[in-house]
Amino acid sequence: MSMVRYELGKDRIETDSIKVAADLRPSTESMVWSLGQLTVCRIVEKGKRKYAVHSNWEAISRAIFANI
């Protein structure tokens, strides 16, 4: 989890026309909580998985899976 947090990188913030790199990474606890809330429902037809439905996606979860 700490490696994923490191990979998220720093965000750039513009304040009064000045770009500043700020460490706005989510905490490890919030990342674990967000992943714990994910729900996946597998739809099976004729013994084979047809597709999966994901729910409870949050911005943190999407960022984590984008870096895995």
PDB file of N, CA and C in Angstrom:
ATOM      1  N   MET A   1       0.824  -1.182   0.000  1.00  0.00           N
ATOM      2  CA  MET A   1       0.000   0.000   0.000  1.00  0.00           C
ATOM      3  C   MET A   1       0.870   1.248   0.000  1.00  0.00           C
ATOM      4  N   SER A   2       1.985   1.180   0.704  1.00  0.00           N
ATOM      5  CA  SER A   2       2.847   2.365   0.747  1.00  0.00           C
ATOM      6  C   SER A   2       3.478   2.639  -0.616  1.00  0.00           C
ATOM      7  N   MET A   3       3.738   1.583  -1.389  1.00  0.00           N
ATOM      8  CA  MET A   3       4.288   1.784  -2.727  1.00  0.00           C
ATOM      9  C   MET A   3       3.266   2.451  -3.650  1.00  0.00           C
ATOM     10  N   VAL A   4       2.004   2.050  -3.540  1.00  0.00           N
ATOM     11  CA  VAL A   4       0.957   2.683  -4.340  1.00  0.00           C
ATOM     12  C   VAL A   4       0.825   4.143  -3.947  1.00  0.00           C
ATOM     13  N   ARG A   5       0.885   4.414  -2.645  1.00  0.00           N
ATOM     14  CA  ARG A   5       0.800   5.796  -2.158  1.00  0.00           C
ATOM     15  C   ARG A   5       1.950   6.624  -2.707  1.00  0.00           C
ATOM     16  N   TYR A   6       3.138   6.041  -2.744  1.00  0.00           N
ATOM     17  CA  TYR A   6       4.297   6.739  -3.293  1.00  0.00           C
ATOM     18  C   TYR A   6       4.107   7.016  -4.783  1.00  0.00           C
ATOM     19  N   GLU A   7       3.544   6.049  -5.521  1.00  0.00           N
ATOM     20  CA  GLU A   7       3.343   6.194  -6.962  1.00  0.00           C
ATOM     21  C   GLU A   7       2.309   7.265  -7.307  1.00  0.00           C
ATOM     22  N   LEU A   8       1.404   7.577  -6.383  1.00  0.00           N
ATOM     23  CA  LEU A   8       0.406   8.600  -6.658  1.00  0.00           C
ATOM     24  C   LEU A   8       1.055   9.953  -6.909  1.00  0.00           C
ATOM     25  N   GLY A   9       2.216  10.177  -6.355  1.00  0.00           N
ATOM     26  CA  GLY A   9       2.957  11.407  -6.627  1.00  0.00           C
ATOM     27  C   GLY A   9       2.372  12.620  -5.933  1.00  0.00           C
ATOM     28  N   LYS A  10       2.971  13.745  -6.221  1.00  0.00           N
ATOM     29  CA  LYS A  10       2.534  15.009  -5.632  1.00  0.00           C
ATOM     30  C   LYS A  10       1.646  15.746  -6.611  1.00  0.00           C
ATOM     31  N   ASP A  11       0.676  16.447  -6.104  1.00  0.00           N
ATOM     32  CA  ASP A  11      -0.203  17.260  -6.936  1.00  0.00           C
ATOM     33  C   ASP A  11       0.382  18.661  -7.078  1.00  0.00           C
ATOM     34  N   ARG A  12       0.116  19.264  -8.218  1.00  0.00           N
ATOM     35  CA  ARG A  12       0.527  20.653  -8.427  1.00  0.00           C
ATOM     36  C   ARG A  12      -0.656  21.567  -8.184  1.00  0.00           C
ATOM     37  N   ILE A  13      -0.412  22.618  -7.413  1.00  0.00           N
ATOM     38  CA  ILE A  13      -1.451  23.580  -7.070  1.00  0.00           C
ATOM     39  C   ILE A  13      -1.033  24.949  -7.601  1.00  0.00           C
ATOM     40  N   GLU A  14      -1.967  25.647  -8.217  1.00  0.00           N
ATOM     41  CA  GLU A  14      -1.695  27.012  -8.673  1.00  0.00           C
ATOM     42  C   GLU A  14      -2.297  27.997  -7.683  1.00  0.00           C
ATOM     43  N   THR A  15      -1.450  28.859  -7.158  1.00  0.00           N
ATOM     44  CA  THR A  15      -1.891  29.886  -6.229  1.00  0.00           C
ATOM     45  C   THR A  15      -1.324  31.209  -6.696  1.00  0.00           C
ATOM     46  N   ASP A  16      -2.194  32.122  -7.056  1.00  0.00           N
ATOM     47  CA  ASP A  16      -1.758  33.444  -7.519  1.00  0.00           C
ATOM     48  C   ASP A  16      -0.721  33.340  -8.640  1.00  0.00           C
ATOM     49  N   SER A  17      -1.004  32.505  -9.620  1.00  0.00           N
ATOM     50  CA  SER A  17      -0.146  32.309 -10.797  1.00  0.00           C
ATOM     51  C   SER A  17       1.188  31.658 -10.473  1.00  0.00           C
ATOM     52  N   ILE A  18       1.308  31.041  -9.308  1.00  0.00           N
ATOM     53  CA  ILE A  18       2.542  30.349  -8.932  1.00  0.00           C
ATOM     54  C   ILE A  18       2.206  28.866  -8.792  1.00  0.00           C
ATOM     55  N   LYS A  19       2.966  28.016  -9.457  1.00  0.00           N
ATOM     56  CA  LYS A  19       2.750  26.580  -9.347  1.00  0.00           C
ATOM     57  C   LYS A  19       3.602  26.040  -8.211  1.00  0.00           C
ATOM     58  N   VAL A  20       2.954  25.305  -7.309  1.00  0.00           N
ATOM     59  CA  VAL A  20       3.624  24.759  -6.145  1.00  0.00           C
ATOM     60  C   VAL A  20       3.340  23.265  -6.093  1.00  0.00           C
ATOM     61  N   ALA A  21       4.379  22.470  -5.843  1.00  0.00           N
ATOM     62  CA  ALA A  21       4.187  21.030  -5.673  1.00  0.00           C
ATOM     63  C   ALA A  21       3.891  20.770  -4.208  1.00  0.00           C
ATOM     64  N   ALA A  22       2.722  20.224  -3.938  1.00  0.00           N
ATOM     65  CA  ALA A  22       2.326  19.949  -2.558  1.00  0.00           C
ATOM     66  C   ALA A  22       2.065  18.458  -2.398  1.00  0.00           C
ATOM     67  N   ASP A  23       2.389  17.924  -1.257  1.00  0.00           N
ATOM     68  CA  ASP A  23       2.157  16.511  -0.982  1.00  0.00           C
ATOM     69  C   ASP A  23       0.727  16.334  -0.505  1.00  0.00           C
ATOM     70  N   LEU A  24      -0.174  16.040  -1.425  1.00  0.00           N
ATOM     71  CA  LEU A  24      -1.586  15.866  -1.110  1.00  0.00           C
ATOM     72  C   LEU A  24      -2.009  14.405  -1.271  1.00  0.00           C
ATOM     73  N   ARG A  25      -1.095  13.501  -1.013  1.00  0.00           N
ATOM     74  CA  ARG A  25      -1.405  12.083  -1.139  1.00  0.00           C
ATOM     75  C   ARG A  25      -2.359  11.670  -0.031  1.00  0.00           C
ATOM     76  N   PRO A  26      -3.258  10.726  -0.334  1.00  0.00           N
ATOM     77  CA  PRO A  26      -4.149  10.241   0.725  1.00  0.00           C
ATOM     78  C   PRO A  26      -3.363   9.405   1.738  1.00  0.00           C
ATOM     79  N   SER A  27      -3.867   9.341   2.945  1.00  0.00           N
ATOM     80  CA  SER A  27      -3.199   8.543   3.965  1.00  0.00           C
ATOM     81  C   SER A  27      -3.399   7.056   3.662  1.00  0.00           C
ATOM     82  N   THR A  28      -2.516   6.238   4.199  1.00  0.00           N
ATOM     83  CA  THR A  28      -2.623   4.795   3.999  1.00  0.00           C
ATOM     84  C   THR A  28      -3.931   4.273   4.574  1.00  0.00           C
ATOM     85  N   GLU A  29      -4.361   4.812   5.711  1.00  0.00           N
ATOM     86  CA  GLU A  29      -5.606   4.367   6.337  1.00  0.00           C
ATOM     87  C   GLU A  29      -6.805   4.651   5.446  1.00  0.00           C
ATOM     88  N   SER A  30      -6.835   5.829   4.817  1.00  0.00           N
ATOM     89  CA  SER A  30      -7.967   6.151   3.955  1.00  0.00           C
ATOM     90  C   SER A  30      -7.961   5.301   2.693  1.00  0.00           C
ATOM     91  N   MET A  31      -6.780   4.940   2.207  1.00  0.00           N
ATOM     92  CA  MET A  31      -6.694   4.071   1.039  1.00  0.00           C
ATOM     93  C   MET A  31      -7.216   2.671   1.363  1.00  0.00           C
ATOM     94  N   VAL A  32      -6.827   2.143   2.506  1.00  0.00           N
ATOM     95  CA  VAL A  32      -7.289   0.810   2.911  1.00  0.00           C
ATOM     96  C   VAL A  32      -8.796   0.826   3.130  1.00  0.00           C
ATOM     97  N   TRP A  33      -9.328   1.877   3.756  1.00  0.00           N
ATOM     98  CA  TRP A  33     -10.771   1.973   3.977  1.00  0.00           C
ATOM     99  C   TRP A  33     -11.518   2.014   2.650  1.00  0.00           C
ATOM    100  N   SER A  34     -11.019   2.804   1.706  1.00  0.00           N
ATOM    101  CA  SER A  34     -11.665   2.934   0.404  1.00  0.00           C
ATOM    102  C   SER A  34     -11.701   1.601  -0.325  1.00  0.00           C
ATOM    103  N   LEU A  35     -10.602   0.861  -0.309  1.00  0.00           N
ATOM    104  CA  LEU A  35     -10.570  -0.450  -0.964  1.00  0.00           C
ATOM    105  C   LEU A  35     -11.467  -1.455  -0.254  1.00  0.00           C
ATOM    106  N   GLY A  36     -11.604  -1.314   1.049  1.00  0.00           N
ATOM    107  CA  GLY A  36     -12.479  -2.208   1.804  1.00  0.00           C
ATOM    108  C   GLY A  36     -13.952  -2.010   1.487  1.00  0.00           C
ATOM    109  N   GLN A  37     -14.304  -0.872   0.917  1.00  0.00           N
ATOM    110  CA  GLN A  37     -15.695  -0.575   0.589  1.00  0.00           C
ATOM    111  C   GLN A  37     -16.091  -1.009  -0.824  1.00  0.00           C
ATOM    112  N   LEU A  38     -15.126  -1.470  -1.625  1.00  0.00           N
ATOM    113  CA  LEU A  38     -15.426  -1.889  -2.991  1.00  0.00           C
ATOM    114  C   LEU A  38     -16.305  -3.135  -2.997  1.00  0.00           C
ATOM    115  N   THR A  39     -17.194  -3.207  -3.956  1.00  0.00           N
ATOM    116  CA  THR A  39     -18.068  -4.358  -4.121  1.00  0.00           C
ATOM    117  C   THR A  39     -18.001  -4.805  -5.574  1.00  0.00           C
ATOM    118  N   VAL A  40     -17.833  -6.103  -5.786  1.00  0.00           N
ATOM    119  CA  VAL A  40     -17.814  -6.658  -7.133  1.00  0.00           C
ATOM    120  C   VAL A  40     -18.871  -7.742  -7.213  1.00  0.00           C
ATOM    121  N   CYS A  41     -19.711  -7.653  -8.209  1.00  0.00           N
ATOM    122  CA  CYS A  41     -20.744  -8.662  -8.449  1.00  0.00           C
ATOM    123  C   CYS A  41     -20.433  -9.320  -9.797  1.00  0.00           C
ATOM    124  N   ARG A  42     -20.216 -10.616  -9.801  1.00  0.00           N
ATOM    125  CA  ARG A  42     -19.904 -11.349 -11.030  1.00  0.00           C
ATOM    126  C   ARG A  42     -21.186 -11.908 -11.621  1.00  0.00           C
ATOM    127  N   ILE A  43     -21.422 -11.651 -12.874  1.00  0.00           N
ATOM    128  CA  ILE A  43     -22.588 -12.164 -13.578  1.00  0.00           C
ATOM    129  C   ILE A  43     -22.148 -13.409 -14.352  1.00  0.00           C
ATOM    130  N   VAL A  44     -22.764 -14.539 -14.038  1.00  0.00           N
ATOM    131  CA  VAL A  44     -22.390 -15.814 -14.644  1.00  0.00           C
ATOM    132  C   VAL A  44     -23.559 -16.342 -15.470  1.00  0.00           C
ATOM    133  N   GLU A  45     -23.252 -16.732 -16.698  1.00  0.00           N
ATOM    134  CA  GLU A  45     -24.244 -17.349 -17.569  1.00  0.00           C
ATOM    135  C   GLU A  45     -23.645 -18.601 -18.178  1.00  0.00           C
ATOM    136  N   LYS A  46     -24.376 -19.691 -18.101  1.00  0.00           N
ATOM    137  CA  LYS A  46     -23.942 -20.981 -18.664  1.00  0.00           C
ATOM    138  C   LYS A  46     -22.589 -21.414 -18.117  1.00  0.00           C
ATOM    139  N   GLY A  47     -22.366 -21.176 -16.851  1.00  0.00           N
ATOM    140  CA  GLY A  47     -21.145 -21.612 -16.193  1.00  0.00           C
ATOM    141  C   GLY A  47     -19.912 -20.774 -16.481  1.00  0.00           C
ATOM    142  N   LYS A  48     -20.041 -19.700 -17.235  1.00  0.00           N
ATOM    143  CA  LYS A  48     -18.899 -18.839 -17.544  1.00  0.00           C
ATOM    144  C   LYS A  48     -19.198 -17.416 -17.104  1.00  0.00           C
ATOM    145  N   ARG A  49     -18.164 -16.764 -16.643  1.00  0.00           N
ATOM    146  CA  ARG A  49     -18.318 -15.380 -16.218  1.00  0.00           C
ATOM    147  C   ARG A  49     -18.560 -14.501 -17.438  1.00  0.00           C
ATOM    148  N   LYS A  50     -19.660 -13.784 -17.417  1.00  0.00           N
ATOM    149  CA  LYS A  50     -19.988 -12.904 -18.526  1.00  0.00           C
ATOM    150  C   LYS A  50     -19.386 -11.518 -18.320  1.00  0.00           C
ATOM    151  N   TYR A  51     -19.615 -10.931 -17.150  1.00  0.00           N
ATOM    152  CA  TYR A  51     -19.024  -9.638 -16.837  1.00  0.00           C
ATOM    153  C   TYR A  51     -19.088  -9.396 -15.340  1.00  0.00           C
ATOM    154  N   ALA A  52     -18.420  -8.349 -14.904  1.00  0.00           N
ATOM    155  CA  ALA A  52     -18.391  -7.985 -13.490  1.00  0.00           C
ATOM    156  C   ALA A  52     -18.925  -6.564 -13.336  1.00  0.00           C
ATOM    157  N   VAL A  53     -19.682  -6.360 -12.281  1.00  0.00           N
ATOM    158  CA  VAL A  53     -20.226  -5.034 -11.973  1.00  0.00           C
ATOM    159  C   VAL A  53     -19.526  -4.535 -10.715  1.00  0.00           C
ATOM    160  N   HIS A  54     -18.840  -3.409 -10.820  1.00  0.00           N
ATOM    161  CA  HIS A  54     -18.135  -2.806  -9.686  1.00  0.00           C
ATOM    162  C   HIS A  54     -18.975  -1.668  -9.134  1.00  0.00           C
ATOM    163  N   SER A  55     -19.024  -1.560  -7.819  1.00  0.00           N
ATOM    164  CA  SER A  55     -19.735  -0.444  -7.203  1.00  0.00           C
ATOM    165  C   SER A  55     -18.924   0.101  -6.029  1.00  0.00           C
ATOM    166  N   ASN A  56     -19.350   1.229  -5.524  1.00  0.00           N
ATOM    167  CA  ASN A  56     -18.696   1.941  -4.421  1.00  0.00           C
ATOM    168  C   ASN A  56     -17.307   2.440  -4.800  1.00  0.00           C
ATOM    169  N   TRP A  57     -17.113   2.813  -6.057  1.00  0.00           N
ATOM    170  CA  TRP A  57     -15.837   3.375  -6.483  1.00  0.00           C
ATOM    171  C   TRP A  57     -15.713   4.794  -5.960  1.00  0.00           C
ATOM    172  N   GLU A  58     -14.554   5.104  -5.440  1.00  0.00           N
ATOM    173  CA  GLU A  58     -14.223   6.453  -5.011  1.00  0.00           C
ATOM    174  C   GLU A  58     -12.979   6.893  -5.770  1.00  0.00           C
ATOM    175  N   ALA A  59     -12.681   8.146  -5.708  1.00  0.00           N
ATOM    176  CA  ALA A  59     -11.524   8.682  -6.433  1.00  0.00           C
ATOM    177  C   ALA A  59     -10.225   8.008  -5.979  1.00  0.00           C
ATOM    178  N   ILE A  60     -10.112   7.724  -4.686  1.00  0.00           N
ATOM    179  CA  ILE A  60      -8.899   7.079  -4.169  1.00  0.00           C
ATOM    180  C   ILE A  60      -8.770   5.681  -4.762  1.00  0.00           C
ATOM    181  N   SER A  61      -9.869   4.926  -4.798  1.00  0.00           N
ATOM    182  CA  SER A  61      -9.836   3.568  -5.336  1.00  0.00           C
ATOM    183  C   SER A  61      -9.431   3.578  -6.802  1.00  0.00           C
ATOM    184  N   ARG A  62      -9.952   4.511  -7.568  1.00  0.00           N
ATOM    185  CA  ARG A  62      -9.609   4.602  -8.990  1.00  0.00           C
ATOM    186  C   ARG A  62      -8.135   4.930  -9.165  1.00  0.00           C
ATOM    187  N   ALA A  63      -7.605   5.814  -8.356  1.00  0.00           N
ATOM    188  CA  ALA A  63      -6.191   6.164  -8.444  1.00  0.00           C
ATOM    189  C   ALA A  63      -5.302   4.979  -8.079  1.00  0.00           C
ATOM    190  N   ILE A  64      -5.715   4.199  -7.085  1.00  0.00           N
ATOM    191  CA  ILE A  64      -4.949   3.020  -6.680  1.00  0.00           C
ATOM    192  C   ILE A  64      -4.898   2.013  -7.816  1.00  0.00           C
ATOM    193  N   PHE A  65      -6.052   1.688  -8.394  1.00  0.00           N
ATOM    194  CA  PHE A  65      -6.097   0.692  -9.460  1.00  0.00           C
ATOM    195  C   PHE A  65      -5.433   1.191 -10.732  1.00  0.00           C
ATOM    196  N   ALA A  66      -5.372   2.482 -10.941  1.00  0.00           N
ATOM    197  CA  ALA A  66      -4.671   3.016 -12.108  1.00  0.00           C
ATOM    198  C   ALA A  66      -3.168   2.822 -11.993  1.00  0.00           C
ATOM    199  N   ASN A  67      -2.662   2.702 -10.773  1.00  0.00           N
ATOM    200  CA  ASN A  67      -1.228   2.553 -10.551  1.00  0.00           C
ATOM    201  C   ASN A  67      -0.797   1.123 -10.288  1.00  0.00           C
ATOM    202  N   ILE A  68      -1.725   0.199 -10.252  1.00  0.00           N
ATOM    203  CA  ILE A  68      -1.355  -1.213 -10.000  1.00  0.00           C
ATOM    204  C   ILE A  68      -1.049  -1.876 -11.313  1.00  0.00           C
TER     205      ILE A  68
END
